[in-house]
């Protein structure tokens, strides 16, 4: 991960580029205001899992049949409890 020092003005003029570079390249930006570090733009450190990552992690483990069945029941209950994502752009 690299770090780049830029002014707040540069960040404002190139905000979308800074955000994209933080996300896709892992670049962190230190923003200077009047020559003094003022703020940072950094990539998200917390990894958010998805179904593929979960499947990959579970391939490493072998559950006895009764534990696998209990796990499947828990998974099905969790799925049933999920609510659809709210469409914030849909007018009521």
N, C-alpha and C. Protein backbone atom coordinates (compact mmCIF):
# COMPACT_ATOMS: atom_id res chain seq x y z
N UNK A 1 0.85 -1.17 0.00
CA UNK A 1 0.00 0.00 0.00
C UNK A 1 0.90 1.23 0.00
N UNK A 2 0.62 2.15 -0.88
CA UNK A 2 1.43 3.37 -0.97
C UNK A 2 0.68 4.54 -0.33
N UNK A 3 1.44 5.58 -0.04
CA UNK A 3 0.86 6.78 0.57
C UNK A 3 1.31 7.99 -0.25
N UNK A 4 0.38 8.87 -0.54
CA UNK A 4 0.66 10.05 -1.33
C UNK A 4 0.20 11.28 -0.55
N UNK A 5 1.03 12.31 -0.52
CA UNK A 5 0.69 13.55 0.17
C UNK A 5 0.23 14.57 -0.87
N UNK A 6 -0.97 15.09 -0.69
CA UNK A 6 -1.53 16.08 -1.61
C UNK A 6 -2.22 17.17 -0.81
N UNK A 7 -2.48 18.29 -1.45
CA UNK A 7 -3.20 19.37 -0.77
C UNK A 7 -4.70 19.07 -0.78
N UNK A 8 -5.42 19.73 0.11
CA UNK A 8 -6.87 19.60 0.15
C UNK A 8 -7.46 20.05 -1.18
N UNK A 9 -6.88 21.09 -1.78
CA UNK A 9 -7.36 21.58 -3.08
C UNK A 9 -7.20 20.52 -4.15
N UNK A 10 -6.03 19.85 -4.18
CA UNK A 10 -5.81 18.77 -5.15
C UNK A 10 -6.83 17.65 -4.94
N UNK A 11 -7.07 17.33 -3.68
CA UNK A 11 -8.03 16.26 -3.38
C UNK A 11 -9.43 16.65 -3.85
N UNK A 12 -9.82 17.89 -3.64
CA UNK A 12 -11.14 18.35 -4.06
C UNK A 12 -11.28 18.30 -5.57
N UNK A 13 -10.23 18.70 -6.27
CA UNK A 13 -10.28 18.72 -7.74
C UNK A 13 -10.25 17.32 -8.33
N UNK A 14 -9.70 16.37 -7.60
CA UNK A 14 -9.52 15.00 -8.11
C UNK A 14 -10.14 13.97 -7.17
N UNK A 15 -11.24 14.34 -6.55
CA UNK A 15 -11.81 13.49 -5.50
C UNK A 15 -12.14 12.09 -6.01
N UNK A 16 -12.83 11.98 -7.13
CA UNK A 16 -13.22 10.66 -7.64
C UNK A 16 -11.99 9.81 -7.93
N UNK A 17 -10.95 10.41 -8.48
CA UNK A 17 -9.72 9.68 -8.75
C UNK A 17 -9.07 9.19 -7.45
N UNK A 18 -9.04 10.04 -6.43
CA UNK A 18 -8.46 9.65 -5.14
C UNK A 18 -9.23 8.47 -4.54
N UNK A 19 -10.55 8.55 -4.57
CA UNK A 19 -11.37 7.47 -4.03
C UNK A 19 -11.14 6.19 -4.81
N UNK A 20 -11.11 6.27 -6.13
CA UNK A 20 -10.88 5.07 -6.94
C UNK A 20 -9.50 4.48 -6.69
N UNK A 21 -8.49 5.32 -6.58
CA UNK A 21 -7.14 4.82 -6.32
C UNK A 21 -7.04 4.19 -4.93
N UNK A 22 -7.74 4.77 -3.96
CA UNK A 22 -7.76 4.18 -2.62
C UNK A 22 -8.41 2.79 -2.67
N UNK A 23 -9.50 2.69 -3.38
CA UNK A 23 -10.23 1.42 -3.44
C UNK A 23 -9.50 0.37 -4.27
N UNK A 24 -9.12 0.72 -5.49
CA UNK A 24 -8.58 -0.28 -6.42
C UNK A 24 -7.08 -0.50 -6.29
N UNK A 25 -6.32 0.51 -5.89
CA UNK A 25 -4.87 0.39 -5.81
C UNK A 25 -4.36 0.32 -4.37
N UNK A 26 -5.22 0.61 -3.41
CA UNK A 26 -4.80 0.61 -2.02
C UNK A 26 -3.98 1.82 -1.62
N UNK A 27 -4.07 2.89 -2.41
CA UNK A 27 -3.31 4.11 -2.11
C UNK A 27 -3.99 4.91 -1.00
N UNK A 28 -3.20 5.38 -0.04
CA UNK A 28 -3.69 6.28 1.00
C UNK A 28 -3.25 7.69 0.66
N UNK A 29 -4.08 8.66 0.96
CA UNK A 29 -3.76 10.06 0.70
C UNK A 29 -3.75 10.83 2.01
N UNK A 30 -2.67 11.57 2.25
CA UNK A 30 -2.61 12.50 3.37
C UNK A 30 -2.91 13.87 2.79
N UNK A 31 -3.93 14.52 3.31
CA UNK A 31 -4.35 15.82 2.78
C UNK A 31 -3.75 16.93 3.63
N UNK A 32 -3.09 17.87 2.96
CA UNK A 32 -2.47 19.00 3.65
C UNK A 32 -3.32 20.25 3.49
N UNK A 33 -3.45 20.99 4.59
CA UNK A 33 -4.11 22.29 4.56
C UNK A 33 -3.12 23.27 5.17
N UNK A 34 -2.72 24.25 4.38
CA UNK A 34 -1.69 25.20 4.80
C UNK A 34 -0.40 24.49 5.19
N UNK A 35 -0.09 23.41 4.45
CA UNK A 35 1.15 22.68 4.68
C UNK A 35 1.13 21.73 5.86
N UNK A 36 0.00 21.60 6.53
CA UNK A 36 -0.10 20.76 7.73
C UNK A 36 -1.05 19.59 7.43
N UNK A 37 -0.68 18.35 7.82
CA UNK A 37 -1.61 17.23 7.64
C UNK A 37 -2.95 17.54 8.29
N UNK A 38 -4.01 17.35 7.53
CA UNK A 38 -5.34 17.78 7.95
C UNK A 38 -6.33 16.62 7.99
N UNK A 39 -6.21 15.71 7.00
CA UNK A 39 -7.15 14.59 6.89
C UNK A 39 -6.51 13.50 6.04
N UNK A 40 -7.20 12.36 5.97
CA UNK A 40 -6.71 11.22 5.19
C UNK A 40 -7.85 10.63 4.37
N UNK A 41 -7.47 10.06 3.25
CA UNK A 41 -8.36 9.19 2.47
C UNK A 41 -7.63 7.85 2.42
N UNK A 42 -8.28 6.83 2.95
CA UNK A 42 -7.64 5.51 3.02
C UNK A 42 -8.58 4.43 2.51
N UNK A 43 -8.00 3.34 2.01
CA UNK A 43 -8.85 2.21 1.64
C UNK A 43 -9.47 1.59 2.88
N UNK A 44 -10.63 1.01 2.73
CA UNK A 44 -11.30 0.32 3.82
C UNK A 44 -10.45 -0.87 4.24
N UNK A 45 -10.17 -0.98 5.53
CA UNK A 45 -9.32 -2.06 6.02
C UNK A 45 -10.12 -3.32 6.32
N UNK A 46 -11.37 -3.15 6.68
CA UNK A 46 -12.18 -4.30 7.02
C UNK A 46 -12.62 -5.00 5.75
N UNK A 47 -12.34 -6.25 5.68
CA UNK A 47 -12.76 -7.03 4.52
C UNK A 47 -14.20 -7.49 4.73
N UNK A 48 -15.01 -7.26 3.76
CA UNK A 48 -16.39 -7.71 3.84
C UNK A 48 -16.51 -9.00 3.04
N UNK A 49 -17.06 -9.99 3.67
CA UNK A 49 -17.15 -11.29 3.04
C UNK A 49 -18.30 -11.38 2.06
N UNK A 50 -18.23 -12.37 1.24
CA UNK A 50 -19.33 -12.67 0.34
C UNK A 50 -19.49 -14.19 0.29
N UNK A 51 -20.43 -14.65 -0.45
CA UNK A 51 -20.69 -16.09 -0.51
C UNK A 51 -19.50 -16.89 -1.00
N UNK A 52 -18.78 -16.37 -1.99
CA UNK A 52 -17.62 -17.09 -2.52
C UNK A 52 -16.52 -17.20 -1.47
N UNK A 53 -16.29 -16.13 -0.70
CA UNK A 53 -15.27 -16.16 0.36
C UNK A 53 -15.66 -17.15 1.45
N UNK A 54 -16.95 -17.19 1.79
CA UNK A 54 -17.42 -18.14 2.78
C UNK A 54 -17.24 -19.57 2.30
N UNK A 55 -17.61 -19.84 1.06
CA UNK A 55 -17.45 -21.18 0.51
C UNK A 55 -15.99 -21.61 0.52
N UNK A 56 -15.09 -20.70 0.17
CA UNK A 56 -13.66 -21.01 0.17
C UNK A 56 -13.18 -21.33 1.59
N UNK A 57 -13.62 -20.55 2.57
CA UNK A 57 -13.22 -20.79 3.95
C UNK A 57 -13.76 -22.12 4.46
N UNK A 58 -14.98 -22.46 4.08
CA UNK A 58 -15.59 -23.70 4.56
C UNK A 58 -14.99 -24.95 3.93
N UNK A 59 -14.36 -24.81 2.77
CA UNK A 59 -13.73 -25.98 2.12
C UNK A 59 -12.63 -26.57 2.99
N UNK A 60 -12.09 -25.78 3.90
CA UNK A 60 -10.98 -26.23 4.74
C UNK A 60 -11.45 -27.09 5.91
N UNK A 61 -12.74 -27.12 6.17
CA UNK A 61 -13.26 -27.82 7.34
C UNK A 61 -14.16 -28.98 6.95
N UNK A 62 -14.10 -30.03 7.75
CA UNK A 62 -15.00 -31.17 7.55
C UNK A 62 -15.87 -31.28 8.79
N UNK A 63 -17.16 -31.16 8.61
CA UNK A 63 -18.10 -31.29 9.72
C UNK A 63 -18.70 -32.68 9.71
N UNK A 64 -18.87 -33.26 10.88
CA UNK A 64 -19.62 -34.52 10.95
C UNK A 64 -21.04 -34.28 10.42
N UNK A 65 -21.69 -35.29 9.90
CA UNK A 65 -23.02 -35.12 9.29
C UNK A 65 -24.03 -34.39 10.17
N UNK A 66 -24.09 -34.70 11.47
CA UNK A 66 -25.10 -34.05 12.33
C UNK A 66 -24.78 -32.56 12.50
N UNK A 67 -23.50 -32.20 12.56
CA UNK A 67 -23.14 -30.78 12.66
C UNK A 67 -23.41 -30.05 11.34
N UNK A 68 -23.16 -30.73 10.24
CA UNK A 68 -23.41 -30.13 8.93
C UNK A 68 -24.91 -29.88 8.75
N UNK A 69 -25.73 -30.81 9.20
CA UNK A 69 -27.19 -30.64 9.10
C UNK A 69 -27.66 -29.47 9.98
N UNK A 70 -27.10 -29.37 11.18
CA UNK A 70 -27.47 -28.26 12.07
C UNK A 70 -27.03 -26.94 11.46
N UNK A 71 -25.85 -26.91 10.87
CA UNK A 71 -25.35 -25.70 10.23
C UNK A 71 -26.26 -25.30 9.08
N UNK A 72 -26.69 -26.27 8.29
CA UNK A 72 -27.59 -26.00 7.16
C UNK A 72 -28.92 -25.45 7.65
N UNK A 73 -29.45 -26.01 8.74
CA UNK A 73 -30.72 -25.49 9.30
C UNK A 73 -30.54 -24.03 9.74
N UNK A 74 -29.41 -23.74 10.40
CA UNK A 74 -29.15 -22.36 10.83
C UNK A 74 -29.04 -21.42 9.63
N UNK A 75 -28.37 -21.88 8.58
CA UNK A 75 -28.23 -21.07 7.38
C UNK A 75 -29.59 -20.80 6.74
N UNK A 76 -30.42 -21.81 6.64
CA UNK A 76 -31.75 -21.64 6.05
C UNK A 76 -32.60 -20.69 6.89
N UNK A 77 -32.49 -20.76 8.22
CA UNK A 77 -33.23 -19.84 9.09
C UNK A 77 -32.74 -18.42 8.91
N UNK A 78 -31.44 -18.25 8.77
CA UNK A 78 -30.88 -16.91 8.56
C UNK A 78 -31.35 -16.34 7.23
N UNK A 79 -31.36 -17.18 6.19
CA UNK A 79 -31.84 -16.71 4.88
C UNK A 79 -33.31 -16.30 4.95
N UNK A 80 -34.11 -17.08 5.66
CA UNK A 80 -35.54 -16.77 5.77
C UNK A 80 -35.77 -15.45 6.51
N UNK A 81 -34.85 -15.10 7.40
CA UNK A 81 -35.00 -13.87 8.18
C UNK A 81 -34.52 -12.63 7.43
N UNK A 82 -33.83 -12.82 6.31
CA UNK A 82 -33.32 -11.67 5.56
C UNK A 82 -34.47 -10.86 4.96
N UNK A 83 -34.31 -9.55 5.01
CA UNK A 83 -35.28 -8.66 4.38
C UNK A 83 -34.69 -8.15 3.08
N UNK A 84 -35.51 -7.91 2.08
CA UNK A 84 -34.96 -7.35 0.84
C UNK A 84 -34.38 -5.97 1.08
N UNK A 85 -33.36 -5.66 0.31
CA UNK A 85 -32.73 -4.33 0.43
C UNK A 85 -33.75 -3.26 0.05
N UNK A 86 -33.73 -2.16 0.79
CA UNK A 86 -34.63 -1.06 0.51
C UNK A 86 -34.11 -0.26 -0.68
N UNK A 87 -34.97 -0.01 -1.64
CA UNK A 87 -34.59 0.80 -2.80
C UNK A 87 -34.79 2.26 -2.43
N UNK A 88 -33.67 2.95 -2.16
CA UNK A 88 -33.74 4.34 -1.71
C UNK A 88 -34.20 5.29 -2.80
N UNK A 89 -34.14 4.84 -4.04
CA UNK A 89 -34.48 5.71 -5.16
C UNK A 89 -35.93 5.53 -5.61
N UNK A 90 -36.56 4.52 -5.12
CA UNK A 90 -37.95 4.24 -5.50
C UNK A 90 -38.87 5.19 -4.76
N UNK A 91 -39.73 5.86 -5.51
CA UNK A 91 -40.68 6.78 -4.88
C UNK A 91 -41.87 6.00 -4.35
N UNK A 92 -42.40 6.45 -3.25
CA UNK A 92 -43.53 5.76 -2.62
C UNK A 92 -44.84 6.19 -3.19
